[in-house]
Amino acid sequence: MGGNLGYNREMKKKNLVVANWKMNPETLEEAKKIFNTSRDLAKGFKNTDIIVCPPFPFVYPLSKLNHPKNVFWGAQNISSEVRGAFTGEVSAEMVKNFGARFLIVGHSERRAMGESNEIIRKKLKVIFDADLIPILCIGEKERDKEGNYLGFIKNQIKECLTGFQKKYLIKKP
């Protein structure tokens, strides 16, 4: 998976750092300063790939800046629809065309806004069909001493990934 995107974790034993910038910063100038600092730090990381996920308006201009080979681009969200009249949504093809190859889905903040495991599964399908790489976020709302939260997490994984062929899932060595 992802071989034609210039990224294949199956062949590498590397650490992975995902920098989700959320809705920060407010200007492109600030974004460039943050990225330049991050880029300089990334050069010193051995065996570590870094995926930078700035707000949508900054992905394309930042991707044009010089960056080390261990820095990749991602987006913080994706539409569950392939195309159509969906005001404010961003399609997988748009993301792909502006240089991002990774997509964060299932973040707790998006779930808090009403995204269900079913919506996340639909987004995953769109991502896989576009030959992009998802970053699936899972997690409990709160932990309990008895470990019941593990069942909650298991259910999230099961509901989000049900129906996908094994070839889409990266296996741990």
N, C-alpha and C. Protein backbone atom coordinates (compact mmCIF):
# COMPACT_ATOMS: atom_id res chain seq x y z
N MET A 1 0.84 -1.19 0.00
CA MET A 1 0.00 0.00 0.00
C MET A 1 0.88 1.24 0.00
N GLY A 2 0.51 2.21 -0.79
CA GLY A 2 1.22 3.48 -0.78
C GLY A 2 2.52 3.49 -1.57
N GLY A 3 2.86 2.38 -2.22
CA GLY A 3 4.12 2.33 -2.94
C GLY A 3 4.22 3.36 -4.04
N ASN A 4 3.13 3.62 -4.73
CA ASN A 4 3.16 4.58 -5.82
C ASN A 4 3.06 6.02 -5.32
N LEU A 5 2.98 6.21 -4.01
CA LEU A 5 2.92 7.55 -3.45
C LEU A 5 4.29 8.01 -2.96
N GLY A 6 5.29 7.22 -3.17
CA GLY A 6 6.61 7.59 -2.68
C GLY A 6 6.77 7.30 -1.20
N TYR A 7 5.91 6.45 -0.66
CA TYR A 7 5.97 6.14 0.76
C TYR A 7 5.52 4.72 0.97
N ASN A 8 6.34 3.91 1.61
CA ASN A 8 5.97 2.52 1.86
C ASN A 8 6.54 2.09 3.20
N ARG A 9 5.73 2.14 4.24
CA ARG A 9 6.16 1.78 5.59
C ARG A 9 6.38 0.28 5.75
N GLU A 10 5.81 -0.53 4.87
CA GLU A 10 5.98 -1.98 5.00
C GLU A 10 7.45 -2.37 4.85
N MET A 11 8.17 -1.60 4.09
CA MET A 11 9.56 -1.94 3.82
C MET A 11 10.52 -1.31 4.83
N LYS A 12 10.02 -0.42 5.67
CA LYS A 12 10.89 0.33 6.57
C LYS A 12 10.45 0.10 8.01
N LYS A 13 11.40 0.06 8.90
CA LYS A 13 11.09 0.06 10.32
C LYS A 13 11.44 1.46 10.82
N LYS A 14 10.43 2.31 10.85
CA LYS A 14 10.64 3.70 11.21
C LYS A 14 9.60 4.15 12.22
N ASN A 15 9.98 5.17 12.96
CA ASN A 15 9.02 5.86 13.81
C ASN A 15 8.22 6.80 12.93
N LEU A 16 7.02 7.12 13.38
CA LEU A 16 6.16 8.00 12.63
C LEU A 16 5.63 9.08 13.56
N VAL A 17 5.81 10.34 13.18
CA VAL A 17 5.31 11.48 13.95
C VAL A 17 4.31 12.20 13.06
N VAL A 18 3.11 12.42 13.59
CA VAL A 18 2.09 13.15 12.85
C VAL A 18 1.86 14.47 13.56
N ALA A 19 2.10 15.55 12.86
CA ALA A 19 1.93 16.90 13.42
C ALA A 19 0.61 17.48 12.94
N ASN A 20 -0.41 17.38 13.78
CA ASN A 20 -1.74 17.91 13.48
C ASN A 20 -1.79 19.35 14.00
N TRP A 21 -1.78 20.30 13.10
CA TRP A 21 -1.73 21.71 13.50
C TRP A 21 -3.09 22.26 13.91
N LYS A 22 -4.13 21.46 13.71
CA LYS A 22 -5.50 21.87 14.02
C LYS A 22 -5.84 23.16 13.28
N MET A 23 -6.44 24.15 13.93
CA MET A 23 -6.83 25.39 13.24
C MET A 23 -5.83 26.50 13.55
N ASN A 24 -4.54 26.14 13.49
CA ASN A 24 -3.46 27.06 13.79
C ASN A 24 -2.39 26.94 12.71
N PRO A 25 -1.70 28.01 12.40
CA PRO A 25 -1.84 29.40 12.84
C PRO A 25 -2.86 30.12 11.98
N GLU A 26 -2.92 31.43 12.12
CA GLU A 26 -3.92 32.20 11.39
C GLU A 26 -3.43 32.71 10.04
N THR A 27 -2.11 32.83 9.85
CA THR A 27 -1.61 33.38 8.59
C THR A 27 -0.60 32.44 7.95
N LEU A 28 -0.45 32.59 6.65
CA LEU A 28 0.53 31.79 5.92
C LEU A 28 1.94 32.13 6.39
N GLU A 29 2.18 33.39 6.67
CA GLU A 29 3.51 33.79 7.15
C GLU A 29 3.87 33.05 8.44
N GLU A 30 2.92 32.98 9.37
CA GLU A 30 3.15 32.24 10.63
C GLU A 30 3.35 30.76 10.33
N ALA A 31 2.57 30.22 9.41
CA ALA A 31 2.68 28.80 9.05
C ALA A 31 4.06 28.50 8.49
N LYS A 32 4.58 29.39 7.67
CA LYS A 32 5.93 29.19 7.10
C LYS A 32 6.99 29.19 8.21
N LYS A 33 6.85 30.08 9.18
CA LYS A 33 7.81 30.11 10.29
C LYS A 33 7.77 28.81 11.08
N ILE A 34 6.57 28.34 11.39
CA ILE A 34 6.42 27.08 12.14
C ILE A 34 7.01 25.93 11.33
N PHE A 35 6.69 25.90 10.04
CA PHE A 35 7.20 24.81 9.21
C PHE A 35 8.72 24.85 9.11
N ASN A 36 9.29 26.02 8.92
CA ASN A 36 10.75 26.13 8.80
C ASN A 36 11.44 25.61 10.06
N THR A 37 10.90 25.91 11.21
CA THR A 37 11.45 25.39 12.46
C THR A 37 11.30 23.88 12.51
N SER A 38 10.12 23.37 12.15
CA SER A 38 9.88 21.93 12.13
C SER A 38 10.79 21.22 11.14
N ARG A 39 10.95 21.83 9.98
CA ARG A 39 11.80 21.25 8.94
C ARG A 39 13.23 21.10 9.44
N ASP A 40 13.74 22.12 10.10
CA ASP A 40 15.10 22.06 10.62
C ASP A 40 15.24 20.97 11.68
N LEU A 41 14.23 20.81 12.52
CA LEU A 41 14.26 19.73 13.52
C LEU A 41 14.17 18.36 12.86
N ALA A 42 13.36 18.25 11.83
CA ALA A 42 13.15 16.96 11.14
C ALA A 42 14.44 16.43 10.54
N LYS A 43 15.31 17.32 10.11
CA LYS A 43 16.58 16.88 9.51
C LYS A 43 17.41 16.07 10.49
N GLY A 44 17.24 16.31 11.78
CA GLY A 44 18.02 15.61 12.79
C GLY A 44 17.44 14.28 13.23
N PHE A 45 16.22 13.97 12.79
CA PHE A 45 15.59 12.72 13.20
C PHE A 45 16.08 11.57 12.33
N LYS A 46 16.59 10.55 12.97
CA LYS A 46 16.99 9.33 12.27
C LYS A 46 15.86 8.31 12.41
N ASN A 47 15.61 7.55 11.37
CA ASN A 47 14.59 6.52 11.40
C ASN A 47 13.21 7.04 11.79
N THR A 48 12.92 8.28 11.42
CA THR A 48 11.63 8.87 11.75
C THR A 48 11.08 9.63 10.55
N ASP A 49 9.83 9.31 10.20
CA ASP A 49 9.13 10.05 9.17
C ASP A 49 8.15 11.00 9.85
N ILE A 50 8.00 12.17 9.29
CA ILE A 50 7.13 13.19 9.86
C ILE A 50 6.06 13.56 8.84
N ILE A 51 4.82 13.50 9.29
CA ILE A 51 3.70 13.89 8.45
C ILE A 51 3.16 15.20 9.01
N VAL A 52 3.22 16.23 8.21
CA VAL A 52 2.77 17.55 8.62
C VAL A 52 1.35 17.76 8.09
N CYS A 53 0.42 18.06 9.02
CA CYS A 53 -0.99 18.26 8.67
C CYS A 53 -1.45 19.65 9.09
N PRO A 54 -1.10 20.66 8.30
CA PRO A 54 -1.54 22.02 8.61
C PRO A 54 -3.00 22.21 8.16
N PRO A 55 -3.60 23.35 8.46
CA PRO A 55 -4.94 23.63 7.93
C PRO A 55 -4.92 23.61 6.39
N PHE A 56 -6.05 23.26 5.79
CA PHE A 56 -6.14 23.12 4.33
C PHE A 56 -5.51 24.26 3.54
N PRO A 57 -5.78 25.53 3.87
CA PRO A 57 -5.24 26.60 3.02
C PRO A 57 -3.72 26.65 2.96
N PHE A 58 -3.05 26.01 3.93
CA PHE A 58 -1.59 26.10 3.99
C PHE A 58 -0.88 24.88 3.40
N VAL A 59 -1.58 23.80 3.14
CA VAL A 59 -0.91 22.58 2.68
C VAL A 59 -0.16 22.83 1.38
N TYR A 60 -0.84 23.36 0.38
CA TYR A 60 -0.19 23.53 -0.92
C TYR A 60 0.99 24.50 -0.87
N PRO A 61 0.82 25.70 -0.32
CA PRO A 61 1.98 26.60 -0.31
C PRO A 61 3.15 26.06 0.51
N LEU A 62 2.87 25.38 1.60
CA LEU A 62 3.96 24.83 2.41
C LEU A 62 4.64 23.66 1.69
N SER A 63 3.86 22.87 0.96
CA SER A 63 4.45 21.72 0.27
C SER A 63 5.44 22.14 -0.81
N LYS A 64 5.37 23.39 -1.24
CA LYS A 64 6.28 23.90 -2.25
C LYS A 64 7.61 24.34 -1.65
N LEU A 65 7.68 24.43 -0.32
CA LEU A 65 8.93 24.81 0.33
C LEU A 65 9.89 23.62 0.36
N ASN A 66 11.15 23.90 0.40
CA ASN A 66 12.16 22.85 0.50
C ASN A 66 11.96 22.09 1.81
N HIS A 67 11.99 20.75 1.74
CA HIS A 67 11.86 19.94 2.95
C HIS A 67 12.62 18.63 2.79
N PRO A 68 13.06 18.06 3.92
CA PRO A 68 13.82 16.81 3.85
C PRO A 68 12.95 15.64 3.38
N LYS A 69 13.60 14.58 2.98
CA LYS A 69 12.90 13.41 2.44
C LYS A 69 12.03 12.69 3.47
N ASN A 70 12.24 12.96 4.74
CA ASN A 70 11.44 12.28 5.77
C ASN A 70 10.21 13.09 6.18
N VAL A 71 9.91 14.17 5.44
CA VAL A 71 8.72 14.97 5.71
C VAL A 71 7.70 14.73 4.59
N PHE A 72 6.46 14.42 5.01
CA PHE A 72 5.36 14.15 4.09
C PHE A 72 4.19 15.05 4.47
N TRP A 73 3.23 15.20 3.56
CA TRP A 73 2.11 16.11 3.79
C TRP A 73 0.83 15.35 4.03
N GLY A 74 0.03 15.89 4.93
CA GLY A 74 -1.26 15.29 5.24
C GLY A 74 -2.32 16.36 5.40
N ALA A 75 -3.56 15.92 5.40
CA ALA A 75 -4.70 16.81 5.63
C ALA A 75 -5.45 16.32 6.87
N GLN A 76 -6.14 17.26 7.50
CA GLN A 76 -6.79 16.98 8.78
C GLN A 76 -8.18 16.37 8.66
N ASN A 77 -8.71 16.34 7.48
CA ASN A 77 -10.06 15.81 7.30
C ASN A 77 -10.29 15.59 5.81
N ILE A 78 -11.36 14.88 5.51
CA ILE A 78 -11.72 14.60 4.12
C ILE A 78 -13.23 14.42 4.07
N SER A 79 -13.82 14.75 2.95
CA SER A 79 -15.25 14.51 2.78
C SER A 79 -15.51 13.01 2.63
N SER A 80 -16.66 12.59 3.06
CA SER A 80 -17.05 11.19 2.86
C SER A 80 -17.64 11.00 1.46
N GLU A 81 -17.75 12.09 0.72
CA GLU A 81 -18.28 12.04 -0.66
C GLU A 81 -17.14 12.21 -1.65
N VAL A 82 -17.28 11.59 -2.80
CA VAL A 82 -16.25 11.65 -3.83
C VAL A 82 -16.28 12.98 -4.56
N ARG A 83 -17.49 13.44 -4.88
CA ARG A 83 -17.68 14.72 -5.58
C ARG A 83 -19.11 15.15 -5.40
N GLY A 84 -19.38 16.38 -5.78
CA GLY A 84 -20.76 16.85 -5.73
C GLY A 84 -20.91 18.20 -5.05
N ALA A 85 -22.16 18.58 -4.86
CA ALA A 85 -22.49 19.89 -4.27
C ALA A 85 -22.52 19.77 -2.75
N PHE A 86 -21.34 19.83 -2.15
CA PHE A 86 -21.20 19.71 -0.69
C PHE A 86 -20.39 20.90 -0.19
N THR A 87 -21.08 21.99 0.06
CA THR A 87 -20.44 23.24 0.44
C THR A 87 -19.47 23.05 1.60
N GLY A 88 -18.26 23.54 1.41
CA GLY A 88 -17.25 23.52 2.47
C GLY A 88 -16.47 22.23 2.58
N GLU A 89 -16.84 21.22 1.83
CA GLU A 89 -16.15 19.94 1.90
C GLU A 89 -14.95 19.93 0.95
N VAL A 90 -14.01 19.04 1.22
CA VAL A 90 -12.81 18.87 0.39
C VAL A 90 -12.74 17.40 -0.02
N SER A 91 -12.61 17.16 -1.30
CA SER A 91 -12.59 15.78 -1.81
C SER A 91 -11.19 15.17 -1.75
N ALA A 92 -11.14 13.87 -1.85
CA ALA A 92 -9.86 13.15 -1.85
C ALA A 92 -8.99 13.59 -3.03
N GLU A 93 -9.60 13.77 -4.19
CA GLU A 93 -8.82 14.20 -5.37
C GLU A 93 -8.25 15.59 -5.17
N MET A 94 -9.00 16.48 -4.51
CA MET A 94 -8.46 17.81 -4.22
C MET A 94 -7.23 17.70 -3.33
N VAL A 95 -7.35 16.89 -2.30
CA VAL A 95 -6.24 16.69 -1.35
C VAL A 95 -5.03 16.14 -2.08
N LYS A 96 -5.27 15.14 -2.90
CA LYS A 96 -4.19 14.52 -3.66
C LYS A 96 -3.51 15.54 -4.59
N ASN A 97 -4.31 16.37 -5.23
CA ASN A 97 -3.78 17.36 -6.17
C ASN A 97 -3.01 18.48 -5.51
N PHE A 98 -3.28 18.76 -4.23
CA PHE A 98 -2.49 19.82 -3.61
C PHE A 98 -1.36 19.27 -2.77
N GLY A 99 -1.02 18.00 -2.97
CA GLY A 99 0.23 17.47 -2.43
C GLY A 99 0.16 16.63 -1.18
N ALA A 100 -0.99 16.52 -0.55
CA ALA A 100 -1.10 15.68 0.65
C ALA A 100 -1.31 14.22 0.24
N ARG A 101 -0.74 13.33 0.99
CA ARG A 101 -0.90 11.90 0.74
C ARG A 101 -1.50 11.16 1.93
N PHE A 102 -1.55 11.82 3.06
CA PHE A 102 -2.08 11.23 4.29
C PHE A 102 -3.31 12.01 4.72
N LEU A 103 -4.25 11.32 5.34
CA LEU A 103 -5.47 11.97 5.80
C LEU A 103 -5.83 11.49 7.19
N ILE A 104 -6.05 12.43 8.08
CA ILE A 104 -6.49 12.10 9.44
C ILE A 104 -8.01 11.93 9.42
N VAL A 105 -8.49 10.81 9.92
CA VAL A 105 -9.93 10.59 10.07
C VAL A 105 -10.20 10.01 11.45
N GLY A 106 -11.38 10.30 11.97
CA GLY A 106 -11.79 9.74 13.25
C GLY A 106 -11.25 10.47 14.46
N HIS A 107 -10.71 11.67 14.27
CA HIS A 107 -10.16 12.41 15.41
C HIS A 107 -11.27 12.66 16.42
N SER A 108 -10.92 12.65 17.69
CA SER A 108 -11.91 12.82 18.76
C SER A 108 -12.70 14.12 18.61
N GLU A 109 -12.07 15.16 18.10
CA GLU A 109 -12.78 16.42 17.91
C GLU A 109 -13.85 16.29 16.82
N ARG A 110 -13.56 15.55 15.76
CA ARG A 110 -14.54 15.32 14.70
C ARG A 110 -15.66 14.41 15.22
N ARG A 111 -15.31 13.41 16.00
CA ARG A 111 -16.33 12.53 16.59
C ARG A 111 -17.25 13.34 17.50
N ALA A 112 -16.69 14.28 18.25
CA ALA A 112 -17.49 15.12 19.15
C ALA A 112 -18.46 16.00 18.36
N MET A 113 -18.14 16.27 17.09
CA MET A 113 -19.03 17.06 16.24
C MET A 113 -20.05 16.17 15.53
N GLY A 114 -20.06 14.87 15.86
CA GLY A 114 -21.10 13.99 15.33
C GLY A 114 -20.66 12.96 14.32
N GLU A 115 -19.36 12.88 14.00
CA GLU A 115 -18.93 11.86 13.05
C GLU A 115 -18.99 10.49 13.71
N SER A 116 -19.72 9.61 13.08
CA SER A 116 -19.89 8.24 13.59
C SER A 116 -18.85 7.31 12.97
N ASN A 117 -18.77 6.10 13.50
CA ASN A 117 -17.88 5.09 12.91
C ASN A 117 -18.31 4.79 11.47
N GLU A 118 -19.59 4.88 11.19
CA GLU A 118 -20.09 4.64 9.83
C GLU A 118 -19.57 5.72 8.87
N ILE A 119 -19.61 6.98 9.29
CA ILE A 119 -19.09 8.07 8.45
C ILE A 119 -17.59 7.90 8.26
N ILE A 120 -16.91 7.52 9.32
CA ILE A 120 -15.45 7.34 9.24
C ILE A 120 -15.12 6.19 8.28
N ARG A 121 -15.89 5.10 8.34
CA ARG A 121 -15.68 3.98 7.42
C ARG A 121 -15.87 4.45 5.97
N LYS A 122 -16.88 5.30 5.73
CA LYS A 122 -17.12 5.82 4.39
C LYS A 122 -15.94 6.69 3.94
N LYS A 123 -15.40 7.50 4.85
CA LYS A 123 -14.23 8.31 4.53
C LYS A 123 -13.03 7.43 4.22
N LEU A 124 -12.85 6.35 4.98
CA LEU A 124 -11.74 5.43 4.72
C LEU A 124 -11.85 4.85 3.32
N LYS A 125 -13.05 4.48 2.90
CA LYS A 125 -13.23 3.93 1.55
C LYS A 125 -12.83 4.96 0.50
N VAL A 126 -13.25 6.21 0.68
CA VAL A 126 -12.89 7.28 -0.26
C VAL A 126 -11.37 7.43 -0.31
N ILE A 127 -10.73 7.38 0.84
CA ILE A 127 -9.28 7.52 0.92
C ILE A 127 -8.58 6.37 0.21
N PHE A 128 -8.98 5.14 0.51
CA PHE A 128 -8.37 3.98 -0.15
C PHE A 128 -8.59 4.01 -1.65
N ASP A 129 -9.81 4.36 -2.08
CA ASP A 129 -10.12 4.41 -3.51
C ASP A 129 -9.28 5.47 -4.23
N ALA A 130 -8.89 6.52 -3.53
CA ALA A 130 -8.06 7.57 -4.12
C ALA A 130 -6.57 7.25 -4.02
N ASP A 131 -6.24 6.09 -3.48
CA ASP A 131 -4.85 5.66 -3.31
C ASP A 131 -4.07 6.60 -2.39
N LEU A 132 -4.76 7.05 -1.35
CA LEU A 132 -4.14 7.87 -0.32
C LEU A 132 -4.00 7.02 0.95
N ILE A 133 -3.37 7.56 1.96
CA ILE A 133 -3.08 6.79 3.17
C ILE A 133 -3.81 7.41 4.36
N PRO A 134 -4.70 6.64 4.99
CA PRO A 134 -5.42 7.18 6.14
C PRO A 134 -4.62 7.06 7.44
N ILE A 135 -4.90 7.99 8.32
CA ILE A 135 -4.43 7.91 9.71
C ILE A 135 -5.71 7.83 10.53
N LEU A 136 -6.05 6.63 10.98
CA LEU A 136 -7.29 6.41 11.72
C LEU A 136 -7.06 6.65 13.19
N CYS A 137 -7.79 7.62 13.74
CA CYS A 137 -7.71 7.92 15.17
C CYS A 137 -8.79 7.14 15.90
N ILE A 138 -8.40 6.54 16.99
CA ILE A 138 -9.34 5.83 17.85
C ILE A 138 -9.05 6.24 19.29
N GLY A 139 -10.01 6.03 20.15
CA GLY A 139 -9.75 6.35 21.55
C GLY A 139 -11.01 6.37 22.37
N GLU A 140 -10.80 6.17 23.65
CA GLU A 140 -11.91 6.14 24.59
C GLU A 140 -12.29 7.54 25.02
N LYS A 141 -13.53 7.69 25.49
CA LYS A 141 -13.96 8.98 26.02
C LYS A 141 -13.40 9.18 27.42
N GLU A 142 -13.35 8.12 28.19
CA GLU A 142 -12.70 8.16 29.51
C GLU A 142 -12.31 6.74 29.90
N ARG A 143 -11.23 6.65 30.68
CA ARG A 143 -10.73 5.34 31.11
C ARG A 143 -11.35 4.94 32.44
N ASP A 144 -11.49 3.64 32.60
CA ASP A 144 -11.95 3.10 33.87
C ASP A 144 -10.93 2.08 34.36
N LYS A 145 -10.86 1.89 35.66
CA LYS A 145 -9.87 0.99 36.25
C LYS A 145 -10.08 -0.46 35.86
N GLU A 146 -11.30 -0.80 35.48
CA GLU A 146 -11.61 -2.19 35.11
C GLU A 146 -11.19 -2.53 33.68
N GLY A 147 -10.84 -1.54 32.90
CA GLY A 147 -10.40 -1.77 31.53
C GLY A 147 -11.53 -1.91 30.53
N ASN A 148 -12.74 -1.51 30.90
CA ASN A 148 -13.88 -1.60 29.98
C ASN A 148 -13.70 -0.70 28.75
N TYR A 149 -12.89 0.32 28.87
CA TYR A 149 -12.65 1.23 27.75
C TYR A 149 -12.01 0.49 26.57
N LEU A 150 -11.31 -0.62 26.85
CA LEU A 150 -10.69 -1.38 25.77
C LEU A 150 -11.75 -1.96 24.83
N GLY A 151 -12.90 -2.33 25.37
CA GLY A 151 -14.01 -2.81 24.54
C GLY A 151 -14.54 -1.71 23.64
N PHE A 152 -14.57 -0.49 24.17
CA PHE A 152 -15.00 0.66 23.39
C PHE A 152 -14.06 0.88 22.20
N ILE A 153 -12.77 0.81 22.47
CA ILE A 153 -11.76 0.98 21.42
C ILE A 153 -11.85 -0.15 20.39
N LYS A 154 -12.00 -1.37 20.86
CA LYS A 154 -12.14 -2.52 19.96
C LYS A 154 -13.34 -2.33 19.04
N ASN A 155 -14.44 -1.84 19.58
CA ASN A 155 -15.64 -1.61 18.80
C ASN A 155 -15.40 -0.52 17.74
N GLN A 156 -14.70 0.54 18.11
CA GLN A 156 -14.37 1.58 17.12
C GLN A 156 -13.60 1.00 15.95
N ILE A 157 -12.58 0.23 16.27
CA ILE A 157 -11.74 -0.36 15.21
C ILE A 157 -12.59 -1.27 14.33
N LYS A 158 -13.36 -2.13 14.96
CA LYS A 158 -14.18 -3.09 14.22
C LYS A 158 -15.17 -2.37 13.31
N GLU A 159 -15.89 -1.39 13.84
CA GLU A 159 -16.90 -0.69 13.05
C GLU A 159 -16.28 0.16 11.94
N CYS A 160 -15.12 0.72 12.17
CA CYS A 160 -14.47 1.55 11.15
C CYS A 160 -13.85 0.71 10.04
N LEU A 161 -13.36 -0.47 10.36
CA LEU A 161 -12.61 -1.25 9.38
C LEU A 161 -13.37 -2.44 8.79
N THR A 162 -14.58 -2.68 9.26
CA THR A 162 -15.37 -3.79 8.75
C THR A 162 -15.59 -3.63 7.24
N GLY A 163 -15.33 -4.70 6.51
CA GLY A 163 -15.57 -4.71 5.08
C GLY A 163 -14.36 -4.39 4.22
N PHE A 164 -13.25 -3.96 4.83
CA PHE A 164 -12.06 -3.66 4.05
C PHE A 164 -11.20 -4.89 3.88
N GLN A 165 -10.64 -5.05 2.69
CA GLN A 165 -9.75 -6.17 2.44
C GLN A 165 -8.45 -5.98 3.21
N LYS A 166 -7.83 -7.07 3.57
CA LYS A 166 -6.59 -7.02 4.35
C LYS A 166 -5.49 -6.24 3.64
N LYS A 167 -5.52 -6.21 2.31
CA LYS A 167 -4.46 -5.52 1.56
C LYS A 167 -4.41 -4.02 1.90
N TYR A 168 -5.52 -3.47 2.40
CA TYR A 168 -5.54 -2.06 2.76
C TYR A 168 -4.93 -1.77 4.12
N LEU A 169 -4.73 -2.78 4.91
CA LEU A 169 -4.25 -2.59 6.27
C LEU A 169 -2.76 -2.86 6.34
N ILE A 170 -2.01 -1.96 6.94
CA ILE A 170 -0.58 -2.14 7.11
C ILE A 170 -0.37 -3.10 8.28
N LYS A 171 0.40 -4.14 8.04
CA LYS A 171 0.67 -5.13 9.08
C LYS A 171 1.94 -4.79 9.81
N LYS A 172 1.92 -4.99 11.10
CA LYS A 172 3.12 -4.81 11.91
C LYS A 172 4.04 -6.01 11.70
N PRO A 173 5.36 -5.81 11.71
CA PRO A 173 6.28 -6.94 11.51
C PRO A 173 6.23 -7.90 12.69
